C-alpha cells in the first residue's frame, strides 16, 4: 500500500467503504466476519475507513458505526475514521415519488449527531466528519461555523462535504477549511471532474465513492446475474440485460487494459482515478477477503498520463448505459 494526502490528512491510496457491510446489498453481513475483514485490511496497510450515522437498517440505522467502531478499536491511533451527519430517511416519501433522503444540518442536530457517533464509534474524536448532503435550508457557512467549533473542542479533526457543488465548497471553505469532498465517481460517472480545478486551488482532497459503479466495472456480472432480496442492484439501470449489451465495449476496454497490466478490471477502474490525480482516494466497499486484496493491489498499478488521456478519450465516445446516481458525464 502507498499513501496520499487529502489536504493535510494522510490516508491509504485505497480505503474501505463500510456501508455495504450493513445495508443495500441484502441482509447485513455477519458481524464477526466483517470485523475480521476490517482487521485484514489493516494488515494490508489500509488506513482510511468510511461510515455514516445512517448506514444501517430501518430497525437499526446506526448498525454500521457500531460495527466499524468495534472493529477499529484495537487500531484507533493508526487509522483515519470518517463518518457523516446531516441526513435521515423518511421512507414514506417514496410513496409520494420523492427521495427518502431528508437533509437536516441545523446546529442542534449536528451536535446530537456528533455526540451519538462518538459514542457508537467508541472514540473521543472523529478524524474526518462529513456533511452527508447539503441542506438547502441551512447556509453552508453556518455548518462550517459549527465544524470550526467542533474542531476547537477536539471532537473532530477535519471535515468535508459529500455531493457538494463548487459554490458550496467555496462558501464553506472560506469559514472553516475543508479537507475533503466525497462524491460519486467512476468511469461511468465523471461529472465531478469539473470540481478538480477548485479542489486543486484550495488544496482539498477528493474521496470517490462507488468507484466501480456499484460493482459493474469489476466485470463480475453477466446478463443473467441475479440479486437477492434487499440488494439494491436488482433495481439499478446498469445491471439490466439491455444495459449489459450497451456496456459491452466499456467492459471490453477494461478487460483489455487489465490483460496488458496483469491486473483485473476492477484494479484498472481504481488505478485510472488514482493515477489521474494525486488527491483522489477511492473507498471501494466489499464483504469479501479476495476482493479486498484485489482492491488494495490497485495502488501498485501505474498508468501514465498518456494512458489516462487515451482512456478518457475512449470513455467519452464509447456507448454506456444509464447508471445509478446518474452519469453526469
Protein backbone atom coordinates (compact mmCIF):
# COMPACT_ATOMS: atom_id res chain seq x y z
CA UNK A 1 0.00 0.00 0.00
CA UNK A 2 1.06 3.57 -0.60
CA UNK A 3 -0.37 6.79 0.76
CA UNK A 4 -1.56 10.21 -0.33
CA UNK A 5 -2.86 13.44 1.13
CA UNK A 6 -6.36 14.81 1.38
CA UNK A 7 -5.42 18.36 2.16
CA UNK A 8 -3.10 17.83 5.13
CA UNK A 9 -4.61 14.46 6.10
CA UNK A 10 -2.69 11.35 5.04
CA UNK A 11 -4.69 8.27 4.03
CA UNK A 12 -4.02 4.99 2.25
CA UNK A 13 -4.43 5.39 -1.51
CA UNK A 14 -7.22 2.83 -1.41
CA UNK A 15 -9.63 2.99 1.52
CA UNK A 16 -12.55 0.85 2.63
CA UNK A 17 -16.15 1.97 2.32
CA UNK A 18 -18.06 0.11 5.01
CA UNK A 19 -21.70 0.90 4.15
CA UNK A 20 -22.34 -2.35 2.26
CA UNK A 21 -21.49 -4.42 5.31
CA UNK A 22 -24.73 -3.25 6.91
CA UNK A 23 -27.12 -2.25 4.13
CA UNK A 24 -28.03 -2.08 0.44
CA UNK A 25 -26.66 -5.48 -0.60
CA UNK A 26 -29.13 -7.81 1.06
CA UNK A 27 -29.18 -8.70 4.74
CA UNK A 28 -26.38 -7.24 6.88
CA UNK A 29 -23.21 -9.30 6.82
CA UNK A 30 -22.18 -11.46 9.75
CA UNK A 31 -20.50 -9.17 12.27
CA UNK A 32 -17.59 -11.41 13.20
CA UNK A 33 -16.67 -11.87 9.53
CA UNK A 34 -16.74 -8.13 8.91
CA UNK A 35 -14.59 -7.40 11.97
CA UNK A 36 -12.08 -9.94 10.64
CA UNK A 37 -12.24 -8.33 7.20
CA UNK A 38 -11.51 -4.91 8.66
CA UNK A 39 -8.61 -6.34 10.67
CA UNK A 40 -7.25 -7.93 7.49
CA UNK A 41 -7.44 -4.57 5.72
CA UNK A 42 -5.27 -3.04 8.45
CA UNK A 43 -2.68 -5.75 7.81
CA UNK A 44 -2.70 -4.75 4.12
CA UNK A 45 -1.90 -1.14 5.01
CA UNK A 46 -5.37 0.32 4.54
CA UNK A 47 -5.86 3.24 6.94
CA UNK A 48 -8.96 5.01 5.59
CA UNK A 49 -12.39 3.76 6.75
CA UNK A 50 -15.69 5.36 5.82
CA UNK A 51 -19.06 5.01 7.56
CA UNK A 52 -22.08 7.21 8.44
CA UNK A 53 -24.67 7.51 11.16
CA UNK A 54 -27.38 6.30 8.73
CA UNK A 55 -25.60 3.22 7.37
CA UNK A 56 -27.87 0.59 8.83
CA UNK A 57 -31.32 -0.94 8.57
CA UNK A 58 -34.72 0.60 9.36
CA UNK A 59 -34.66 -1.36 12.61
CA UNK A 60 -31.08 -0.37 13.43
CA UNK A 61 -29.99 2.71 11.45
CA UNK A 62 -26.71 3.02 13.38
CA UNK A 63 -25.53 -0.55 12.84
CA UNK A 64 -22.52 0.29 10.70
CA UNK A 65 -20.98 2.84 13.04
CA UNK A 66 -21.05 0.36 15.91
CA UNK A 67 -19.56 -2.37 13.72
CA UNK A 68 -16.76 -0.17 12.42
CA UNK A 69 -16.02 1.36 15.81
CA UNK A 70 -15.70 -2.05 17.45
CA UNK A 71 -13.54 -3.43 14.63
CA UNK A 72 -11.17 -0.47 14.64
CA UNK A 73 -10.84 -0.08 18.41
CA UNK A 74 -7.52 -2.03 18.60
CA UNK A 75 -6.06 0.12 15.81
CA UNK A 76 -7.60 3.50 16.60
CA UNK A 77 -4.39 5.52 16.58
CA UNK A 78 -3.34 4.02 13.22
CA UNK A 79 -6.41 4.83 11.15
CA UNK A 80 -8.44 7.64 9.65
CA UNK A 81 -12.03 7.16 10.75
CA UNK A 82 -14.59 9.05 8.68
CA UNK A 83 -18.31 9.33 9.38
CA UNK A 84 -21.15 11.61 8.33
CA UNK A 85 -24.02 13.68 9.68
CA UNK A 86 -26.89 15.62 8.24
CA UNK A 87 -29.46 13.23 6.74
CA UNK A 88 -32.16 10.86 7.88
CA UNK A 89 -34.51 8.66 5.90
CA UNK A 90 -38.28 9.05 5.59
CA UNK A 91 -39.40 6.03 3.57
CA UNK A 92 -42.97 7.36 3.37
CA UNK A 93 -41.73 9.91 0.84
CA UNK A 94 -41.18 7.11 -1.67
CA UNK A 95 -44.96 6.69 -1.92
CA UNK A 96 -45.10 10.33 -3.00
CA UNK A 97 -42.48 9.78 -5.68
CA UNK A 98 -39.89 11.74 -3.70
CA UNK A 99 -36.42 10.92 -2.46
CA UNK A 100 -36.47 9.38 1.04
CA UNK A 101 -33.29 11.28 1.96
CA UNK A 102 -34.11 14.23 4.22
CA UNK A 103 -31.27 16.68 4.91
CA UNK A 104 -31.05 18.28 8.35
CA UNK A 105 -28.00 20.38 9.19
CA UNK A 106 -29.40 22.50 11.99
CA UNK A 107 -26.65 23.19 14.54
CA UNK A 108 -28.57 21.39 17.29
CA UNK A 109 -28.94 18.34 15.06
CA UNK A 110 -25.23 18.34 14.27
CA UNK A 111 -24.44 18.48 17.99
CA UNK A 112 -26.62 15.46 18.70
CA UNK A 113 -25.19 13.62 15.72
CA UNK A 114 -21.54 14.09 16.61
CA UNK A 115 -22.08 13.00 20.21
CA UNK A 116 -24.03 9.96 19.06
CA UNK A 117 -21.37 8.99 16.53
CA UNK A 118 -18.58 9.37 19.06
CA UNK A 119 -20.42 7.06 21.44
CA UNK A 120 -21.21 4.43 18.81
CA UNK A 121 -17.70 4.53 17.35
CA UNK A 122 -16.17 4.21 20.82
CA UNK A 123 -13.80 7.12 20.30
CA UNK A 124 -13.33 10.63 21.61
CA UNK A 125 -12.57 12.18 18.22
CA UNK A 126 -13.54 11.74 14.57
CA UNK A 127 -10.75 12.14 12.04
CA UNK A 128 -12.95 13.24 9.12
CA UNK A 129 -16.53 14.40 9.64
CA UNK A 130 -18.67 14.92 6.54
CA UNK A 131 -21.87 16.78 5.93
CA UNK A 132 -23.65 13.91 4.15
CA UNK A 133 -25.79 16.15 1.93
CA UNK A 134 -26.06 19.92 1.68
CA UNK A 135 -29.18 21.18 3.45
CA UNK A 136 -30.88 23.86 1.32
CA UNK A 137 -32.46 25.34 4.46
CA UNK A 138 -29.18 25.89 6.32
CA UNK A 139 -26.38 28.06 4.84
CA UNK A 140 -23.16 26.10 4.43
CA UNK A 141 -21.39 28.92 6.27
CA UNK A 142 -23.44 28.12 9.36
CA UNK A 143 -22.50 24.45 9.12
CA UNK A 144 -18.85 25.37 8.63
CA UNK A 145 -19.00 27.51 11.75
CA UNK A 146 -20.21 24.55 13.78
CA UNK A 147 -17.39 22.44 12.31
CA UNK A 148 -14.89 25.05 13.44
CA UNK A 149 -16.31 24.87 16.96
CA UNK A 150 -16.16 21.05 16.96
CA UNK A 151 -12.52 21.19 15.90
CA UNK A 152 -11.71 23.59 18.74
CA UNK A 153 -13.46 21.23 21.15
CA UNK A 154 -11.41 18.30 19.88
CA UNK A 155 -14.44 16.28 18.76
CA UNK A 156 -13.37 16.31 15.11
CA UNK A 157 -10.02 16.87 13.43
CA UNK A 158 -11.05 17.51 9.81
CA UNK A 159 -14.30 18.00 7.94
CA UNK A 160 -15.72 17.58 4.49
CA UNK A 161 -18.87 17.66 2.37
CA UNK A 162 -20.46 14.94 0.27
CA UNK A 163 -22.30 15.67 -3.00
CA UNK A 164 -21.28 19.33 -2.99
CA UNK A 165 -21.10 21.94 -5.75
CA UNK A 166 -18.26 24.38 -6.37
CA UNK A 167 -20.28 27.16 -4.75
CA UNK A 168 -20.91 25.04 -1.67
CA UNK A 169 -17.22 24.21 -1.44
CA UNK A 170 -16.01 27.80 -1.76
CA UNK A 171 -18.52 29.19 0.72
CA UNK A 172 -17.85 26.50 3.32
CA UNK A 173 -14.07 26.57 2.91
CA UNK A 174 -13.97 30.33 3.48
CA UNK A 175 -15.35 29.82 7.01
CA UNK A 176 -13.63 26.59 8.06
CA UNK A 177 -11.19 24.98 5.60
CA UNK A 178 -12.37 21.71 4.09
CA UNK A 179 -10.15 18.66 3.98
CA UNK A 180 -12.16 16.54 1.54
CA UNK A 181 -15.13 16.39 -0.78
CA UNK A 182 -16.76 12.97 -1.15
CA UNK A 183 -18.73 12.44 -4.36
CA UNK A 184 -19.81 9.60 -6.61
CA UNK A 185 -17.08 9.00 -9.19
CA UNK A 186 -16.29 6.22 -11.63
CA UNK A 187 -15.62 5.60 -15.31
CA UNK A 188 -19.39 5.73 -15.75
CA UNK A 189 -19.96 8.86 -13.65
CA UNK A 190 -17.44 11.62 -14.37
CA UNK A 191 -19.45 14.81 -13.83
CA UNK A 192 -17.50 15.82 -10.73
CA UNK A 193 -14.28 16.15 -12.70
CA UNK A 194 -15.50 19.74 -13.12
CA UNK A 195 -14.58 20.24 -9.44
CA UNK A 196 -10.93 19.29 -9.85
CA UNK A 197 -9.68 22.86 -10.54
CA UNK A 198 -11.24 24.29 -7.37
CA UNK A 199 -10.03 21.35 -5.29
CA UNK A 200 -6.51 21.94 -6.55
CA UNK A 201 -6.79 25.67 -5.90
CA UNK A 202 -7.94 25.16 -2.30
CA UNK A 203 -5.86 22.01 -1.55
CA UNK A 204 -8.90 19.82 -0.88
CA UNK A 205 -8.91 16.07 -1.41
CA UNK A 206 -11.48 14.10 -3.41
CA UNK A 207 -12.85 10.89 -1.92
CA UNK A 208 -14.51 8.78 -4.61
CA UNK A 209 -17.42 6.60 -3.52
CA UNK A 210 -18.93 3.93 -5.77
CA UNK A 211 -15.73 3.74 -7.88
CA UNK A 212 -16.95 0.52 -9.55
CA UNK A 213 -20.41 1.95 -10.36
CA UNK A 214 -21.83 -0.44 -7.74
CA UNK A 215 -19.71 -3.31 -8.98
CA UNK A 216 -20.37 -3.47 -12.70
CA UNK A 217 -16.87 -2.21 -13.57
CA UNK A 218 -15.31 -5.24 -11.90
CA UNK A 219 -16.55 -7.35 -14.81
CA UNK A 220 -18.04 -9.85 -12.36
CA UNK A 221 -21.63 -9.61 -13.61
CA UNK A 222 -23.47 -11.02 -16.63
CA UNK A 223 -26.85 -10.53 -18.28
CA UNK A 224 -28.31 -13.32 -16.18
CA UNK A 225 -26.82 -12.25 -12.85
CA UNK A 226 -29.38 -12.44 -10.06
CA UNK A 227 -29.56 -10.37 -6.87
CA UNK A 228 -31.14 -11.42 -3.62
CA UNK A 229 -33.86 -9.75 -1.60
CA UNK A 230 -32.82 -6.34 -0.33
CA UNK A 231 -29.97 -5.99 -2.84
CA UNK A 232 -30.40 -2.58 -4.43
CA UNK A 233 -28.53 -3.66 -7.57
CA UNK A 234 -31.65 -5.51 -8.66
CA UNK A 235 -33.19 -2.11 -9.44
CA UNK A 236 -30.14 -0.36 -10.86
CA UNK A 237 -30.19 0.51 -14.58
CA UNK A 238 -26.62 -0.65 -15.28
CA UNK A 239 -27.44 -4.25 -14.35
CA UNK A 240 -30.33 -4.91 -16.74
CA UNK A 241 -29.79 -7.33 -19.63
CA UNK A 242 -30.10 -4.44 -22.08
CA UNK A 243 -27.52 -2.42 -20.16
CA UNK A 244 -25.05 -5.28 -20.22
CA UNK A 245 -25.28 -5.20 -24.01
CA UNK A 246 -24.84 -1.41 -24.04
CA UNK A 247 -21.79 -1.65 -21.77
CA UNK A 248 -20.07 -4.40 -23.72
CA UNK A 249 -17.42 -2.08 -25.20
CA UNK A 250 -16.74 -0.47 -21.83
CA UNK A 251 -16.23 -3.80 -20.12
CA UNK A 252 -14.06 -4.99 -23.02
CA UNK A 253 -11.91 -1.87 -22.67
CA UNK A 254 -11.36 -2.64 -19.00
CA UNK A 255 -10.60 -6.29 -19.68
CA UNK A 256 -8.06 -5.45 -22.40
CA UNK A 257 -6.28 -2.95 -20.16
CA UNK A 258 -6.31 -5.48 -17.34
CA UNK A 259 -4.60 -8.07 -19.52
CA UNK A 260 -1.95 -5.54 -20.57
CA UNK A 261 -1.19 -4.65 -16.95
CA UNK A 262 -1.52 -8.18 -15.50
CA UNK A 263 -4.37 -6.84 -13.40
CA UNK A 264 -8.12 -7.19 -13.03
CA UNK A 265 -10.84 -4.96 -14.46
CA UNK A 266 -11.61 -3.61 -11.00
CA UNK A 267 -7.98 -2.76 -10.39
CA UNK A 268 -7.88 -0.80 -13.65
CA UNK A 269 -11.03 1.11 -12.67
CA UNK A 270 -9.29 2.17 -9.44
CA UNK A 271 -5.84 2.77 -10.94
CA UNK A 272 -7.40 5.05 -13.56
CA UNK A 273 -8.51 7.51 -10.89
CA UNK A 274 -5.52 7.01 -8.59
CA UNK A 275 -3.11 7.86 -11.39
CA UNK A 276 -5.22 10.72 -12.71
CA UNK A 277 -4.86 12.95 -9.65
CA UNK A 278 -2.69 12.56 -6.53
CA UNK A 279 -5.50 13.79 -4.27
CA UNK A 280 -8.16 11.24 -5.33
CA UNK A 281 -8.74 8.50 -2.76
CA UNK A 282 -11.35 5.86 -3.67
CA UNK A 283 -13.23 3.96 -0.97
CA UNK A 284 -14.49 0.76 -2.62
CA UNK A 285 -16.63 -1.42 -0.42
CA UNK A 286 -16.63 -5.20 -0.15
CA UNK A 287 -17.63 -8.09 2.09
CA UNK A 288 -15.11 -10.49 0.55
CA UNK A 289 -11.48 -11.01 1.52
CA UNK A 290 -10.40 -11.82 -2.04
CA UNK A 291 -11.92 -8.61 -3.35
CA UNK A 292 -10.29 -6.66 -0.51
CA UNK A 293 -6.88 -7.98 -1.56
CA UNK A 294 -7.63 -7.16 -5.18
CA UNK A 295 -8.73 -3.60 -4.40
CA UNK A 296 -5.66 -2.92 -2.25
CA UNK A 297 -3.44 -4.14 -5.09
CA UNK A 298 -4.73 -1.39 -7.37
CA UNK A 299 -2.49 1.07 -5.52
CA UNK A 300 0.55 -0.57 -7.12
CA UNK A 301 -0.64 -0.29 -10.74
CA UNK A 302 0.81 2.57 -12.77
CA UNK A 303 -0.93 4.26 -15.67
CA UNK A 304 0.93 7.09 -17.42
CA UNK A 305 -0.60 10.47 -18.20
CA UNK A 306 -0.74 9.40 -21.83
CA UNK A 307 -2.58 6.19 -20.93
CA UNK A 308 -5.04 8.10 -18.76
CA UNK A 309 -5.73 10.58 -21.57
CA UNK A 310 -6.29 7.74 -24.01
CA UNK A 311 -8.70 6.02 -21.65
CA UNK A 312 -10.58 9.27 -21.07
CA UNK A 313 -10.93 9.82 -24.79
CA UNK A 314 -12.41 6.36 -25.22
CA UNK A 315 -14.75 6.80 -22.25
CA UNK A 316 -16.08 9.95 -23.89
CA UNK A 317 -17.02 8.16 -27.10
CA UNK A 318 -18.00 4.56 -26.35
CA UNK A 319 -21.66 3.81 -25.55
CA UNK A 320 -22.70 3.34 -21.93
CA UNK A 321 -25.98 2.58 -20.23
CA UNK A 322 -27.64 4.71 -17.64
CA UNK A 323 -26.08 4.24 -14.21
CA UNK A 324 -27.45 4.50 -10.70
CA UNK A 325 -26.95 8.01 -9.35
CA UNK A 326 -26.63 9.46 -12.84
CA UNK A 327 -23.64 9.59 -15.14
CA UNK A 328 -23.49 13.34 -15.49
CA UNK A 329 -20.60 12.95 -17.90
